[in-house]
Amino acid sequence: MSQLTLFDAPAKLSRKSDPITSQKSAAETEPHVNTCEGRMLAVLGNAKSPLTAREAGSECERLNPDHEADTYRKRISKMVRDGLAFEAGERRCDVSGKTVTTYAAKERR
């Protein structure tokens, strides 16, 4: 067994040794996270040009108002780490008005 570093993400959100309430909570949270990432990936993939995280989050909220835009926006860093999206440059964000990084979905093969 190898020790995880500070930057390694565990494969699951709970351990066998966690209390049953923690395991249930993790089981309920995991599909939510995957759904948000999937929606962000779909929005980035369907965009004609790269979007900022706030623009993509706002579009996800417009299409699926069950979560706020920030819930979606926060997923972008993990998506980049996991190789699902990449940084595509910088420009002024239509939502915040600030110059920020834009993102695009990596092509699926």
N, C-alpha and C. Protein backbone atom coordinates (compact mmCIF):
# COMPACT_ATOMS: atom_id res chain seq x y z
N MET A 1 0.85 -1.18 0.00
CA MET A 1 0.00 0.00 0.00
C MET A 1 0.89 1.24 0.00
N SER A 2 0.56 2.22 -0.83
CA SER A 2 1.37 3.43 -0.89
C SER A 2 0.63 4.59 -0.22
N GLN A 3 1.39 5.48 0.36
CA GLN A 3 0.84 6.64 1.05
C GLN A 3 0.45 7.70 0.03
N LEU A 4 -0.76 8.27 0.14
CA LEU A 4 -1.18 9.36 -0.72
C LEU A 4 -0.44 10.64 -0.31
N THR A 5 -0.10 11.44 -1.29
CA THR A 5 0.48 12.74 -0.99
C THR A 5 -0.64 13.74 -0.77
N LEU A 6 -0.30 14.93 -0.39
CA LEU A 6 -1.27 15.98 -0.16
C LEU A 6 -2.07 16.28 -1.43
N PHE A 7 -1.46 16.09 -2.61
CA PHE A 7 -2.09 16.46 -3.87
C PHE A 7 -2.81 15.31 -4.55
N ASP A 8 -2.73 14.10 -4.01
CA ASP A 8 -3.43 12.97 -4.58
C ASP A 8 -4.88 12.98 -4.12
N ALA A 9 -5.78 12.72 -5.04
CA ALA A 9 -7.19 12.63 -4.67
C ALA A 9 -7.53 11.16 -4.42
N PRO A 10 -8.23 10.87 -3.34
CA PRO A 10 -8.61 9.48 -3.10
C PRO A 10 -9.61 9.02 -4.16
N ALA A 11 -9.59 7.71 -4.45
CA ALA A 11 -10.48 7.17 -5.47
C ALA A 11 -11.94 7.27 -5.02
N LYS A 12 -12.19 7.12 -3.73
CA LYS A 12 -13.54 7.22 -3.20
C LYS A 12 -13.60 8.35 -2.18
N LEU A 13 -14.80 8.79 -1.90
CA LEU A 13 -14.97 9.89 -0.96
C LEU A 13 -15.04 9.42 0.49
N SER A 14 -15.05 8.11 0.72
CA SER A 14 -15.08 7.60 2.09
C SER A 14 -14.22 6.34 2.19
N ARG A 15 -13.87 5.99 3.43
CA ARG A 15 -13.08 4.78 3.69
C ARG A 15 -13.98 3.75 4.38
N LYS A 16 -13.56 2.50 4.34
CA LYS A 16 -14.33 1.45 5.02
C LYS A 16 -14.40 1.70 6.52
N SER A 17 -13.39 2.35 7.07
CA SER A 17 -13.35 2.61 8.51
C SER A 17 -14.20 3.81 8.93
N ASP A 18 -14.72 4.59 7.97
CA ASP A 18 -15.56 5.74 8.30
C ASP A 18 -16.91 5.28 8.86
N PRO A 19 -17.53 6.10 9.71
CA PRO A 19 -18.86 5.76 10.21
C PRO A 19 -19.85 5.60 9.05
N ILE A 20 -20.86 4.81 9.25
CA ILE A 20 -21.84 4.53 8.19
C ILE A 20 -22.50 5.82 7.68
N THR A 21 -22.68 6.80 8.56
CA THR A 21 -23.29 8.06 8.11
C THR A 21 -22.38 8.79 7.12
N SER A 22 -21.07 8.73 7.34
CA SER A 22 -20.11 9.34 6.41
C SER A 22 -20.11 8.60 5.08
N GLN A 23 -20.19 7.28 5.13
CA GLN A 23 -20.22 6.49 3.90
C GLN A 23 -21.47 6.79 3.09
N LYS A 24 -22.61 6.92 3.76
CA LYS A 24 -23.86 7.25 3.05
C LYS A 24 -23.78 8.64 2.42
N SER A 25 -23.23 9.59 3.17
CA SER A 25 -23.09 10.95 2.65
C SER A 25 -22.19 10.97 1.41
N ALA A 26 -21.09 10.24 1.47
CA ALA A 26 -20.16 10.19 0.33
C ALA A 26 -20.83 9.55 -0.88
N ALA A 27 -21.62 8.51 -0.65
CA ALA A 27 -22.32 7.84 -1.75
C ALA A 27 -23.33 8.77 -2.41
N GLU A 28 -23.95 9.65 -1.62
CA GLU A 28 -24.91 10.60 -2.18
C GLU A 28 -24.22 11.76 -2.89
N THR A 29 -23.03 12.12 -2.45
CA THR A 29 -22.30 13.26 -3.01
C THR A 29 -21.61 12.91 -4.33
N GLU A 30 -21.06 11.72 -4.44
CA GLU A 30 -20.28 11.34 -5.61
C GLU A 30 -21.04 11.49 -6.93
N PRO A 31 -22.28 10.99 -7.07
CA PRO A 31 -22.99 11.20 -8.34
C PRO A 31 -23.24 12.67 -8.64
N HIS A 32 -23.47 13.49 -7.61
CA HIS A 32 -23.68 14.93 -7.78
C HIS A 32 -22.45 15.57 -8.41
N VAL A 33 -21.28 15.22 -7.90
CA VAL A 33 -20.03 15.77 -8.43
C VAL A 33 -19.85 15.35 -9.88
N ASN A 34 -20.08 14.07 -10.17
CA ASN A 34 -19.92 13.58 -11.54
C ASN A 34 -20.92 14.23 -12.49
N THR A 35 -22.14 14.49 -12.02
CA THR A 35 -23.15 15.14 -12.84
C THR A 35 -22.73 16.57 -13.16
N CYS A 36 -22.24 17.29 -12.17
CA CYS A 36 -21.80 18.67 -12.40
C CYS A 36 -20.65 18.72 -13.39
N GLU A 37 -19.68 17.82 -13.24
CA GLU A 37 -18.56 17.78 -14.18
C GLU A 37 -19.05 17.43 -15.58
N GLY A 38 -19.97 16.51 -15.67
CA GLY A 38 -20.52 16.12 -16.97
C GLY A 38 -21.23 17.27 -17.66
N ARG A 39 -21.97 18.03 -16.88
CA ARG A 39 -22.68 19.18 -17.45
C ARG A 39 -21.69 20.25 -17.90
N MET A 40 -20.67 20.51 -17.09
CA MET A 40 -19.64 21.48 -17.48
C MET A 40 -18.93 21.03 -18.75
N LEU A 41 -18.62 19.74 -18.82
CA LEU A 41 -17.94 19.20 -19.99
C LEU A 41 -18.80 19.35 -21.24
N ALA A 42 -20.11 19.11 -21.11
CA ALA A 42 -21.02 19.27 -22.24
C ALA A 42 -21.08 20.72 -22.71
N VAL A 43 -21.16 21.64 -21.76
CA VAL A 43 -21.22 23.06 -22.11
C VAL A 43 -19.92 23.50 -22.79
N LEU A 44 -18.77 23.11 -22.23
CA LEU A 44 -17.49 23.47 -22.84
C LEU A 44 -17.34 22.83 -24.22
N GLY A 45 -17.80 21.60 -24.36
CA GLY A 45 -17.69 20.89 -25.64
C GLY A 45 -18.57 21.46 -26.73
N ASN A 46 -19.71 22.02 -26.35
CA ASN A 46 -20.66 22.57 -27.33
C ASN A 46 -20.41 24.04 -27.64
N ALA A 47 -19.53 24.68 -26.88
CA ALA A 47 -19.25 26.10 -27.09
C ALA A 47 -18.48 26.32 -28.39
N LYS A 48 -18.78 27.40 -29.08
CA LYS A 48 -18.08 27.72 -30.33
C LYS A 48 -16.67 28.22 -30.08
N SER A 49 -16.44 28.81 -28.91
CA SER A 49 -15.11 29.28 -28.52
C SER A 49 -14.93 29.00 -27.03
N PRO A 50 -13.69 29.03 -26.54
CA PRO A 50 -13.46 28.76 -25.12
C PRO A 50 -14.26 29.70 -24.21
N LEU A 51 -14.66 29.18 -23.06
CA LEU A 51 -15.44 29.94 -22.09
C LEU A 51 -14.67 30.11 -20.80
N THR A 52 -15.00 31.15 -20.05
CA THR A 52 -14.45 31.28 -18.71
C THR A 52 -15.23 30.32 -17.81
N ALA A 53 -14.69 30.04 -16.63
CA ALA A 53 -15.38 29.14 -15.70
C ALA A 53 -16.73 29.73 -15.29
N ARG A 54 -16.79 31.05 -15.09
CA ARG A 54 -18.06 31.68 -14.71
C ARG A 54 -19.08 31.62 -15.85
N GLU A 55 -18.64 31.82 -17.08
CA GLU A 55 -19.56 31.73 -18.22
C GLU A 55 -20.11 30.32 -18.36
N ALA A 56 -19.23 29.33 -18.24
CA ALA A 56 -19.67 27.94 -18.35
C ALA A 56 -20.61 27.58 -17.20
N GLY A 57 -20.28 28.04 -15.99
CA GLY A 57 -21.14 27.79 -14.84
C GLY A 57 -22.51 28.43 -15.00
N SER A 58 -22.54 29.65 -15.51
CA SER A 58 -23.81 30.35 -15.73
C SER A 58 -24.66 29.63 -16.77
N GLU A 59 -24.01 29.12 -17.81
CA GLU A 59 -24.73 28.37 -18.84
C GLU A 59 -25.28 27.06 -18.27
N CYS A 60 -24.50 26.39 -17.44
CA CYS A 60 -24.98 25.17 -16.77
C CYS A 60 -26.19 25.47 -15.90
N GLU A 61 -26.12 26.56 -15.16
CA GLU A 61 -27.25 26.94 -14.30
C GLU A 61 -28.48 27.27 -15.14
N ARG A 62 -28.29 27.92 -16.27
CA ARG A 62 -29.41 28.25 -17.16
C ARG A 62 -30.08 26.98 -17.69
N LEU A 63 -29.26 26.01 -18.07
CA LEU A 63 -29.78 24.75 -18.61
C LEU A 63 -30.32 23.82 -17.52
N ASN A 64 -29.73 23.89 -16.33
CA ASN A 64 -30.08 22.99 -15.23
C ASN A 64 -30.13 23.79 -13.94
N PRO A 65 -31.24 24.47 -13.67
CA PRO A 65 -31.30 25.37 -12.52
C PRO A 65 -31.34 24.67 -11.15
N ASP A 66 -31.05 23.36 -11.11
CA ASP A 66 -31.04 22.65 -9.83
C ASP A 66 -29.83 23.01 -8.97
N HIS A 67 -28.79 23.63 -9.56
CA HIS A 67 -27.61 24.07 -8.82
C HIS A 67 -27.23 25.48 -9.25
N GLU A 68 -26.57 26.21 -8.35
CA GLU A 68 -26.11 27.55 -8.67
C GLU A 68 -24.88 27.49 -9.57
N ALA A 69 -24.61 28.57 -10.27
CA ALA A 69 -23.48 28.64 -11.20
C ALA A 69 -22.15 28.34 -10.51
N ASP A 70 -21.97 28.80 -9.28
CA ASP A 70 -20.71 28.56 -8.58
C ASP A 70 -20.48 27.08 -8.29
N THR A 71 -21.54 26.30 -8.13
CA THR A 71 -21.41 24.86 -7.91
C THR A 71 -20.72 24.24 -9.12
N TYR A 72 -21.09 24.68 -10.30
CA TYR A 72 -20.49 24.17 -11.53
C TYR A 72 -19.08 24.75 -11.73
N ARG A 73 -18.96 26.06 -11.51
CA ARG A 73 -17.68 26.76 -11.74
C ARG A 73 -16.54 26.11 -10.97
N LYS A 74 -16.80 25.69 -9.75
CA LYS A 74 -15.76 25.13 -8.89
C LYS A 74 -15.20 23.81 -9.41
N ARG A 75 -15.84 23.20 -10.37
CA ARG A 75 -15.39 21.90 -10.90
C ARG A 75 -14.26 22.02 -11.92
N ILE A 76 -14.03 23.21 -12.45
CA ILE A 76 -13.12 23.36 -13.58
C ILE A 76 -11.68 22.96 -13.25
N SER A 77 -11.19 23.27 -12.07
CA SER A 77 -9.81 22.92 -11.71
C SER A 77 -9.58 21.42 -11.75
N LYS A 78 -10.52 20.68 -11.19
CA LYS A 78 -10.41 19.22 -11.18
C LYS A 78 -10.51 18.67 -12.61
N MET A 79 -11.36 19.27 -13.42
CA MET A 79 -11.49 18.82 -14.80
C MET A 79 -10.19 19.01 -15.57
N VAL A 80 -9.49 20.11 -15.32
CA VAL A 80 -8.19 20.35 -15.95
C VAL A 80 -7.18 19.31 -15.44
N ARG A 81 -7.14 19.09 -14.12
CA ARG A 81 -6.22 18.09 -13.55
C ARG A 81 -6.48 16.70 -14.11
N ASP A 82 -7.76 16.36 -14.32
CA ASP A 82 -8.13 15.04 -14.82
C ASP A 82 -7.99 14.91 -16.33
N GLY A 83 -7.62 16.00 -17.00
CA GLY A 83 -7.41 15.95 -18.45
C GLY A 83 -8.69 16.03 -19.27
N LEU A 84 -9.79 16.47 -18.67
CA LEU A 84 -11.05 16.60 -19.40
C LEU A 84 -11.17 17.94 -20.10
N ALA A 85 -10.49 18.94 -19.57
CA ALA A 85 -10.52 20.29 -20.14
C ALA A 85 -9.11 20.87 -20.08
N PHE A 86 -8.90 21.96 -20.81
CA PHE A 86 -7.58 22.60 -20.80
C PHE A 86 -7.73 24.11 -20.84
N GLU A 87 -6.70 24.80 -20.35
CA GLU A 87 -6.68 26.26 -20.39
C GLU A 87 -6.42 26.69 -21.83
N ALA A 88 -7.25 27.60 -22.34
CA ALA A 88 -7.18 27.97 -23.75
C ALA A 88 -6.82 29.43 -23.97
N GLY A 89 -6.36 30.12 -22.95
CA GLY A 89 -5.99 31.52 -23.11
C GLY A 89 -6.67 32.39 -22.06
N GLU A 90 -6.66 33.70 -22.32
CA GLU A 90 -7.28 34.66 -21.42
C GLU A 90 -8.08 35.66 -22.23
N ARG A 91 -9.14 36.16 -21.61
CA ARG A 91 -9.94 37.25 -22.19
C ARG A 91 -10.86 37.80 -21.12
N ARG A 92 -11.56 38.86 -21.45
CA ARG A 92 -12.50 39.48 -20.50
C ARG A 92 -13.74 38.60 -20.38
N CYS A 93 -14.11 38.29 -19.14
CA CYS A 93 -15.29 37.46 -18.85
C CYS A 93 -16.56 38.28 -19.02
N ASP A 94 -17.55 37.72 -19.70
CA ASP A 94 -18.82 38.41 -19.89
C ASP A 94 -19.65 38.49 -18.60
N VAL A 95 -19.33 37.63 -17.63
CA VAL A 95 -20.08 37.61 -16.37
C VAL A 95 -19.45 38.56 -15.35
N SER A 96 -18.14 38.44 -15.14
CA SER A 96 -17.48 39.23 -14.09
C SER A 96 -16.86 40.53 -14.61
N GLY A 97 -16.55 40.60 -15.90
CA GLY A 97 -15.90 41.77 -16.46
C GLY A 97 -14.40 41.80 -16.25
N LYS A 98 -13.85 40.77 -15.62
CA LYS A 98 -12.41 40.70 -15.36
C LYS A 98 -11.73 39.86 -16.43
N THR A 99 -10.43 40.10 -16.62
CA THR A 99 -9.64 39.27 -17.53
C THR A 99 -9.26 38.00 -16.79
N VAL A 100 -9.70 36.87 -17.33
CA VAL A 100 -9.49 35.58 -16.68
C VAL A 100 -9.16 34.51 -17.70
N THR A 101 -8.82 33.33 -17.21
CA THR A 101 -8.50 32.18 -18.06
C THR A 101 -9.76 31.63 -18.71
N THR A 102 -9.61 31.18 -19.96
CA THR A 102 -10.71 30.51 -20.63
C THR A 102 -10.38 29.02 -20.72
N TYR A 103 -11.43 28.21 -20.88
CA TYR A 103 -11.27 26.75 -20.90
C TYR A 103 -12.03 26.15 -22.05
N ALA A 104 -11.55 25.01 -22.53
CA ALA A 104 -12.22 24.26 -23.57
C ALA A 104 -12.14 22.79 -23.22
N ALA A 105 -13.08 22.02 -23.74
CA ALA A 105 -13.10 20.58 -23.49
C ALA A 105 -12.09 19.91 -24.41
N LYS A 106 -11.38 18.91 -23.89
CA LYS A 106 -10.48 18.12 -24.73
C LYS A 106 -11.33 17.22 -25.61
N GLU A 107 -10.88 16.99 -26.83
CA GLU A 107 -11.60 16.13 -27.74
C GLU A 107 -11.56 14.70 -27.27
N ARG A 108 -12.71 14.01 -27.35
CA ARG A 108 -12.81 12.61 -26.97
C ARG A 108 -12.49 11.76 -28.18
N ARG A 109 -11.76 10.69 -27.97
CA ARG A 109 -11.42 9.79 -29.09
C ARG A 109 -11.95 8.43 -28.84
